[in-house]
Amino acid sequence: MTEWSSSKASQVLAGLQRIGWSIKRQKGSHRVLKRTGWPNYVFAFHDKVEIGPRMLARIGKKTGLTPDDI
């Protein structure tokens, strides 16, 4: 089982910003995020979309996000 539970994209983005990610640029719902020491990450979700546990785990691997950060 996974520790992740579904979350709204707006909550996930807020969690990413709390751990040091910032929006480098945006076009529509595609946001390119940057953080020192990490490669850029494209966050391409509309704010009200529900992101499932498997996708959250993938985002966590690429960004360092943990379930406690959301």
PDB file of N, CA and C in Angstrom:
ATOM      1  N   MET A   1       0.834  -1.197   0.000  1.00  0.00           N
ATOM      2  CA  MET A   1       0.000   0.000   0.000  1.00  0.00           C
ATOM      3  C   MET A   1       0.870   1.248   0.000  1.00  0.00           C
ATOM      4  N   THR A   2       0.275   2.311  -0.433  1.00  0.00           N
ATOM      5  CA  THR A   2       0.980   3.581  -0.505  1.00  0.00           C
ATOM      6  C   THR A   2       0.511   4.517   0.606  1.00  0.00           C
ATOM      7  N   GLU A   3       1.374   5.415   1.013  1.00  0.00           N
ATOM      8  CA  GLU A   3       1.021   6.406   2.042  1.00  0.00           C
ATOM      9  C   GLU A   3       0.227   7.549   1.444  1.00  0.00           C
ATOM     10  N   TRP A   4       0.311   7.711   0.127  1.00  0.00           N
ATOM     11  CA  TRP A   4      -0.314   8.842  -0.551  1.00  0.00           C
ATOM     12  C   TRP A   4      -1.824   8.674  -0.619  1.00  0.00           C
ATOM     13  N   SER A   5      -2.547   9.762  -0.476  1.00  0.00           N
ATOM     14  CA  SER A   5      -3.984   9.759  -0.735  1.00  0.00           C
ATOM     15  C   SER A   5      -4.260  10.834  -1.782  1.00  0.00           C
ATOM     16  N   SER A   6      -5.342  10.712  -2.488  1.00  0.00           N
ATOM     17  CA  SER A   6      -5.673  11.667  -3.557  1.00  0.00           C
ATOM     18  C   SER A   6      -5.734  13.087  -3.010  1.00  0.00           C
ATOM     19  N   SER A   7      -5.284  14.022  -3.832  1.00  0.00           N
ATOM     20  CA  SER A   7      -5.298  15.440  -3.443  1.00  0.00           C
ATOM     21  C   SER A   7      -5.588  16.305  -4.658  1.00  0.00           C
ATOM     22  N   LYS A   8      -6.130  17.461  -4.407  1.00  0.00           N
ATOM     23  CA  LYS A   8      -6.357  18.431  -5.478  1.00  0.00           C
ATOM     24  C   LYS A   8      -5.010  18.968  -5.954  1.00  0.00           C
ATOM     25  N   ALA A   9      -4.925  19.278  -7.235  1.00  0.00           N
ATOM     26  CA  ALA A   9      -3.683  19.788  -7.807  1.00  0.00           C
ATOM     27  C   ALA A   9      -3.249  21.086  -7.138  1.00  0.00           C
ATOM     28  N   SER A  10      -4.196  21.921  -6.755  1.00  0.00           N
ATOM     29  CA  SER A  10      -3.848  23.188  -6.100  1.00  0.00           C
ATOM     30  C   SER A  10      -3.153  22.935  -4.759  1.00  0.00           C
ATOM     31  N   GLN A  11      -3.567  21.889  -4.029  1.00  0.00           N
ATOM     32  CA  GLN A  11      -2.930  21.541  -2.760  1.00  0.00           C
ATOM     33  C   GLN A  11      -1.518  21.003  -2.992  1.00  0.00           C
ATOM     34  N   VAL A  12      -1.359  20.211  -4.042  1.00  0.00           N
ATOM     35  CA  VAL A  12      -0.048  19.649  -4.363  1.00  0.00           C
ATOM     36  C   VAL A  12       0.919  20.772  -4.734  1.00  0.00           C
ATOM     37  N   LEU A  13       0.455  21.690  -5.566  1.00  0.00           N
ATOM     38  CA  LEU A  13       1.294  22.823  -5.965  1.00  0.00           C
ATOM     39  C   LEU A  13       1.685  23.663  -4.747  1.00  0.00           C
ATOM     40  N   ALA A  14       0.760  23.883  -3.840  1.00  0.00           N
ATOM     41  CA  ALA A  14       1.057  24.639  -2.619  1.00  0.00           C
ATOM     42  C   ALA A  14       2.113  23.906  -1.783  1.00  0.00           C
ATOM     43  N   GLY A  15       2.012  22.589  -1.711  1.00  0.00           N
ATOM     44  CA  GLY A  15       3.003  21.789  -0.988  1.00  0.00           C
ATOM     45  C   GLY A  15       4.379  21.892  -1.619  1.00  0.00           C
ATOM     46  N   LEU A  16       4.420  21.858  -2.947  1.00  0.00           N
ATOM     47  CA  LEU A  16       5.692  22.005  -3.652  1.00  0.00           C
ATOM     48  C   LEU A  16       6.316  23.368  -3.377  1.00  0.00           C
ATOM     49  N   GLN A  17       5.495  24.393  -3.347  1.00  0.00           N
ATOM     50  CA  GLN A  17       6.009  25.734  -3.078  1.00  0.00           C
ATOM     51  C   GLN A  17       6.514  25.861  -1.640  1.00  0.00           C
ATOM     52  N   ARG A  18       5.871  25.165  -0.710  1.00  0.00           N
ATOM     53  CA  ARG A  18       6.322  25.197   0.686  1.00  0.00           C
ATOM     54  C   ARG A  18       7.701  24.568   0.859  1.00  0.00           C
ATOM     55  N   ILE A  19       8.038  23.559   0.027  1.00  0.00           N
ATOM     56  CA  ILE A  19       9.341  22.899   0.180  1.00  0.00           C
ATOM     57  C   ILE A  19      10.417  23.539  -0.699  1.00  0.00           C
ATOM     58  N   GLY A  20      10.100  24.658  -1.331  1.00  0.00           N
ATOM     59  CA  GLY A  20      11.136  25.401  -2.023  1.00  0.00           C
ATOM     60  C   GLY A  20      11.009  25.526  -3.531  1.00  0.00           C
ATOM     61  N   TRP A  21      10.000  24.922  -4.147  1.00  0.00           N
ATOM     62  CA  TRP A  21       9.800  25.047  -5.583  1.00  0.00           C
ATOM     63  C   TRP A  21       9.120  26.384  -5.871  1.00  0.00           C
ATOM     64  N   SER A  22       9.460  26.980  -6.992  1.00  0.00           N
ATOM     65  CA  SER A  22       8.799  28.211  -7.418  1.00  0.00           C
ATOM     66  C   SER A  22       8.471  28.103  -8.899  1.00  0.00           C
ATOM     67  N   ILE A  23       7.500  28.890  -9.329  1.00  0.00           N
ATOM     68  CA  ILE A  23       7.068  28.851 -10.723  1.00  0.00           C
ATOM     69  C   ILE A  23       8.047  29.688 -11.547  1.00  0.00           C
ATOM     70  N   LYS A  24       8.686  29.035 -12.498  1.00  0.00           N
ATOM     71  CA  LYS A  24       9.634  29.706 -13.386  1.00  0.00           C
ATOM     72  C   LYS A  24       8.887  30.392 -14.522  1.00  0.00           C
ATOM     73  N   ARG A  25       7.932  29.660 -15.113  1.00  0.00           N
ATOM     74  CA  ARG A  25       7.076  30.224 -16.150  1.00  0.00           C
ATOM     75  C   ARG A  25       5.816  29.388 -16.244  1.00  0.00           C
ATOM     76  N   GLN A  26       4.790  29.959 -16.881  1.00  0.00           N
ATOM     77  CA  GLN A  26       3.505  29.279 -16.999  1.00  0.00           C
ATOM     78  C   GLN A  26       2.861  29.627 -18.325  1.00  0.00           C
ATOM     79  N   LYS A  27       2.251  28.625 -18.935  1.00  0.00           N
ATOM     80  CA  LYS A  27       1.441  28.825 -20.126  1.00  0.00           C
ATOM     81  C   LYS A  27       0.230  27.918 -19.991  1.00  0.00           C
ATOM     82  N   GLY A  28      -0.925  28.514 -19.736  1.00  0.00           N
ATOM     83  CA  GLY A  28      -2.124  27.721 -19.475  1.00  0.00           C
ATOM     84  C   GLY A  28      -1.979  26.995 -18.155  1.00  0.00           C
ATOM     85  N   SER A  29      -2.239  25.683 -18.173  1.00  0.00           N
ATOM     86  CA  SER A  29      -2.125  24.904 -16.944  1.00  0.00           C
ATOM     87  C   SER A  29      -0.731  24.293 -16.787  1.00  0.00           C
ATOM     88  N   HIS A  30       0.147  24.492 -17.751  1.00  0.00           N
ATOM     89  CA  HIS A  30       1.498  23.957 -17.677  1.00  0.00           C
ATOM     90  C   HIS A  30       2.405  24.954 -16.950  1.00  0.00           C
ATOM     91  N   ARG A  31       2.905  24.523 -15.801  1.00  0.00           N
ATOM     92  CA  ARG A  31       3.807  25.361 -15.023  1.00  0.00           C
ATOM     93  C   ARG A  31       5.169  24.683 -14.979  1.00  0.00           C
ATOM     94  N   VAL A  32       6.211  25.423 -15.281  1.00  0.00           N
ATOM     95  CA  VAL A  32       7.572  24.907 -15.143  1.00  0.00           C
ATOM     96  C   VAL A  32       8.071  25.392 -13.790  1.00  0.00           C
ATOM     97  N   LEU A  33       8.394  24.431 -12.924  1.00  0.00           N
ATOM     98  CA  LEU A  33       8.836  24.755 -11.573  1.00  0.00           C
ATOM     99  C   LEU A  33      10.348  24.638 -11.485  1.00  0.00           C
ATOM    100  N   LYS A  34      10.961  25.457 -10.643  1.00  0.00           N
ATOM    101  CA  LYS A  34      12.403  25.397 -10.444  1.00  0.00           C
ATOM    102  C   LYS A  34      12.718  25.355  -8.956  1.00  0.00           C
ATOM    103  N   ARG A  35      13.843  24.701  -8.658  1.00  0.00           N
ATOM    104  CA  ARG A  35      14.344  24.639  -7.282  1.00  0.00           C
ATOM    105  C   ARG A  35      15.844  24.413  -7.366  1.00  0.00           C
ATOM    106  N   THR A  36      16.591  25.126  -6.579  1.00  0.00           N
ATOM    107  CA  THR A  36      18.040  25.010  -6.594  1.00  0.00           C
ATOM    108  C   THR A  36      18.456  23.573  -6.283  1.00  0.00           C
ATOM    109  N   GLY A  37      19.343  23.029  -7.123  1.00  0.00           N
ATOM    110  CA  GLY A  37      19.845  21.677  -6.906  1.00  0.00           C
ATOM    111  C   GLY A  37      18.991  20.581  -7.529  1.00  0.00           C
ATOM    112  N   TRP A  38      17.890  20.935  -8.171  1.00  0.00           N
ATOM    113  CA  TRP A  38      16.985  19.973  -8.791  1.00  0.00           C
ATOM    114  C   TRP A  38      16.759  20.381 -10.249  1.00  0.00           C
ATOM    115  N   PRO A  39      16.511  19.386 -11.132  1.00  0.00           N
ATOM    116  CA  PRO A  39      16.141  19.765 -12.502  1.00  0.00           C
ATOM    117  C   PRO A  39      14.737  20.367 -12.515  1.00  0.00           C
ATOM    118  N   ASN A  40      14.460  21.200 -13.504  1.00  0.00           N
ATOM    119  CA  ASN A  40      13.121  21.787 -13.630  1.00  0.00           C
ATOM    120  C   ASN A  40      12.076  20.687 -13.715  1.00  0.00           C
ATOM    121  N   TYR A  41      10.868  20.973 -13.233  1.00  0.00           N
ATOM    122  CA  TYR A  41       9.770  20.005 -13.261  1.00  0.00           C
ATOM    123  C   TYR A  41       8.548  20.674 -13.875  1.00  0.00           C
ATOM    124  N   VAL A  42       7.922  19.999 -14.842  1.00  0.00           N
ATOM    125  CA  VAL A  42       6.712  20.520 -15.478  1.00  0.00           C
ATOM    126  C   VAL A  42       5.509  19.973 -14.723  1.00  0.00           C
ATOM    127  N   PHE A  43       4.747  20.871 -14.124  1.00  0.00           N
ATOM    128  CA  PHE A  43       3.527  20.520 -13.393  1.00  0.00           C
ATOM    129  C   PHE A  43       2.361  20.911 -14.285  1.00  0.00           C
ATOM    130  N   ALA A  44       1.698  19.917 -14.893  1.00  0.00           N
ATOM    131  CA  ALA A  44       0.693  20.182 -15.934  1.00  0.00           C
ATOM    132  C   ALA A  44      -0.691  19.703 -15.514  1.00  0.00           C
ATOM    133  N   PHE A  45      -1.207  20.266 -14.438  1.00  0.00           N
ATOM    134  CA  PHE A  45      -2.533  19.905 -13.944  1.00  0.00           C
ATOM    135  C   PHE A  45      -3.360  21.167 -13.724  1.00  0.00           C
ATOM    136  N   HIS A  46      -4.646  21.085 -14.024  1.00  0.00           N
ATOM    137  CA  HIS A  46      -5.562  22.172 -13.676  1.00  0.00           C
ATOM    138  C   HIS A  46      -5.762  22.143 -12.171  1.00  0.00           C
ATOM    139  N   ASP A  47      -5.984  23.306 -11.558  1.00  0.00           N
ATOM    140  CA  ASP A  47      -6.037  23.418 -10.107  1.00  0.00           C
ATOM    141  C   ASP A  47      -7.072  22.519  -9.434  1.00  0.00           C
ATOM    142  N   LYS A  48      -8.220  22.318 -10.063  1.00  0.00           N
ATOM    143  CA  LYS A  48      -9.302  21.563  -9.422  1.00  0.00           C
ATOM    144  C   LYS A  48      -9.249  20.059  -9.689  1.00  0.00           C
ATOM    145  N   VAL A  49      -8.276  19.605 -10.473  1.00  0.00           N
ATOM    146  CA  VAL A  49      -8.157  18.183 -10.810  1.00  0.00           C
ATOM    147  C   VAL A  49      -7.673  17.405  -9.593  1.00  0.00           C
ATOM    148  N   GLU A  50      -8.255  16.233  -9.383  1.00  0.00           N
ATOM    149  CA  GLU A  50      -7.851  15.339  -8.302  1.00  0.00           C
ATOM    150  C   GLU A  50      -6.700  14.471  -8.811  1.00  0.00           C
ATOM    151  N   ILE A  51      -5.575  14.481  -8.118  1.00  0.00           N
ATOM    152  CA  ILE A  51      -4.417  13.675  -8.500  1.00  0.00           C
ATOM    153  C   ILE A  51      -4.391  12.439  -7.604  1.00  0.00           C
ATOM    154  N   GLY A  52      -4.306  11.275  -8.226  1.00  0.00           N
ATOM    155  CA  GLY A  52      -4.342  10.011  -7.496  1.00  0.00           C
ATOM    156  C   GLY A  52      -3.023   9.653  -6.833  1.00  0.00           C
ATOM    157  N   PRO A  53      -3.047   8.623  -5.985  1.00  0.00           N
ATOM    158  CA  PRO A  53      -1.861   8.225  -5.219  1.00  0.00           C
ATOM    159  C   PRO A  53      -0.666   7.817  -6.082  1.00  0.00           C
ATOM    160  N   ARG A  54      -0.897   7.105  -7.167  1.00  0.00           N
ATOM    161  CA  ARG A  54       0.223   6.662  -8.005  1.00  0.00           C
ATOM    162  C   ARG A  54       0.937   7.846  -8.649  1.00  0.00           C
ATOM    163  N   MET A  55       0.171   8.802  -9.143  1.00  0.00           N
ATOM    164  CA  MET A  55       0.781   9.981  -9.753  1.00  0.00           C
ATOM    165  C   MET A  55       1.469  10.825  -8.693  1.00  0.00           C
ATOM    166  N   LEU A  56       0.901  10.927  -7.510  1.00  0.00           N
ATOM    167  CA  LEU A  56       1.548  11.676  -6.434  1.00  0.00           C
ATOM    168  C   LEU A  56       2.891  11.051  -6.057  1.00  0.00           C
ATOM    169  N   ALA A  57       2.955   9.729  -6.049  1.00  0.00           N
ATOM    170  CA  ALA A  57       4.216   9.050  -5.750  1.00  0.00           C
ATOM    171  C   ALA A  57       5.259   9.371  -6.822  1.00  0.00           C
ATOM    172  N   ARG A  58       4.831   9.425  -8.083  1.00  0.00           N
ATOM    173  CA  ARG A  58       5.751   9.777  -9.167  1.00  0.00           C
ATOM    174  C   ARG A  58       6.242  11.212  -9.027  1.00  0.00           C
ATOM    175  N   ILE A  59       5.319  12.118  -8.693  1.00  0.00           N
ATOM    176  CA  ILE A  59       5.698  13.523  -8.481  1.00  0.00           C
ATOM    177  C   ILE A  59       6.697  13.610  -7.324  1.00  0.00           C
ATOM    178  N   GLY A  60       6.444  12.844  -6.279  1.00  0.00           N
ATOM    179  CA  GLY A  60       7.333  12.840  -5.122  1.00  0.00           C
ATOM    180  C   GLY A  60       8.745  12.392  -5.456  1.00  0.00           C
ATOM    181  N   LYS A  61       8.869  11.391  -6.304  1.00  0.00           N
ATOM    182  CA  LYS A  61      10.203  10.917  -6.702  1.00  0.00           C
ATOM    183  C   LYS A  61      10.981  11.985  -7.453  1.00  0.00           C
ATOM    184  N   LYS A  62      10.290  12.742  -8.294  1.00  0.00           N
ATOM    185  CA  LYS A  62      10.961  13.760  -9.113  1.00  0.00           C
ATOM    186  C   LYS A  62      11.226  15.068  -8.383  1.00  0.00           C
ATOM    187  N   THR A  63      10.437  15.343  -7.318  1.00  0.00           N
ATOM    188  CA  THR A  63      10.503  16.660  -6.675  1.00  0.00           C
ATOM    189  C   THR A  63      10.910  16.643  -5.203  1.00  0.00           C
ATOM    190  N   GLY A  64      10.913  15.468  -4.569  1.00  0.00           N
ATOM    191  CA  GLY A  64      11.221  15.412  -3.148  1.00  0.00           C
ATOM    192  C   GLY A  64      10.013  15.657  -2.262  1.00  0.00           C
ATOM    193  N   LEU A  65       8.825  15.729  -2.859  1.00  0.00           N
ATOM    194  CA  LEU A  65       7.589  15.936  -2.100  1.00  0.00           C
ATOM    195  C   LEU A  65       7.251  14.680  -1.306  1.00  0.00           C
ATOM    196  N   THR A  66       6.776  14.843  -0.078  1.00  0.00           N
ATOM    197  CA  THR A  66       6.336  13.728   0.739  1.00  0.00           C
ATOM    198  C   THR A  66       4.873  13.922   1.108  1.00  0.00           C
ATOM    199  N   PRO A  67       4.181  12.854   1.535  1.00  0.00           N
ATOM    200  CA  PRO A  67       2.770  13.005   1.929  1.00  0.00           C
ATOM    201  C   PRO A  67       2.563  14.038   3.029  1.00  0.00           C
ATOM    202  N   ASP A  68       3.552  14.224   3.896  1.00  0.00           N
ATOM    203  CA  ASP A  68       3.427  15.202   4.988  1.00  0.00           C
ATOM    204  C   ASP A  68       3.487  16.647   4.494  1.00  0.00           C
ATOM    205  N   ASP A  69       4.026  16.857   3.291  1.00  0.00           N
ATOM    206  CA  ASP A  69       4.153  18.212   2.746  1.00  0.00           C
ATOM    207  C   ASP A  69       2.849  18.759   2.201  1.00  0.00           C
ATOM    208  N   ILE A  70       1.897  17.880   1.929  1.00  0.00           N
ATOM    209  CA  ILE A  70       0.619  18.316   1.323  1.00  0.00           C
ATOM    210  C   ILE A  70      -0.363  18.718   2.412  1.00  0.00           C
TER     211      ILE A  70
END
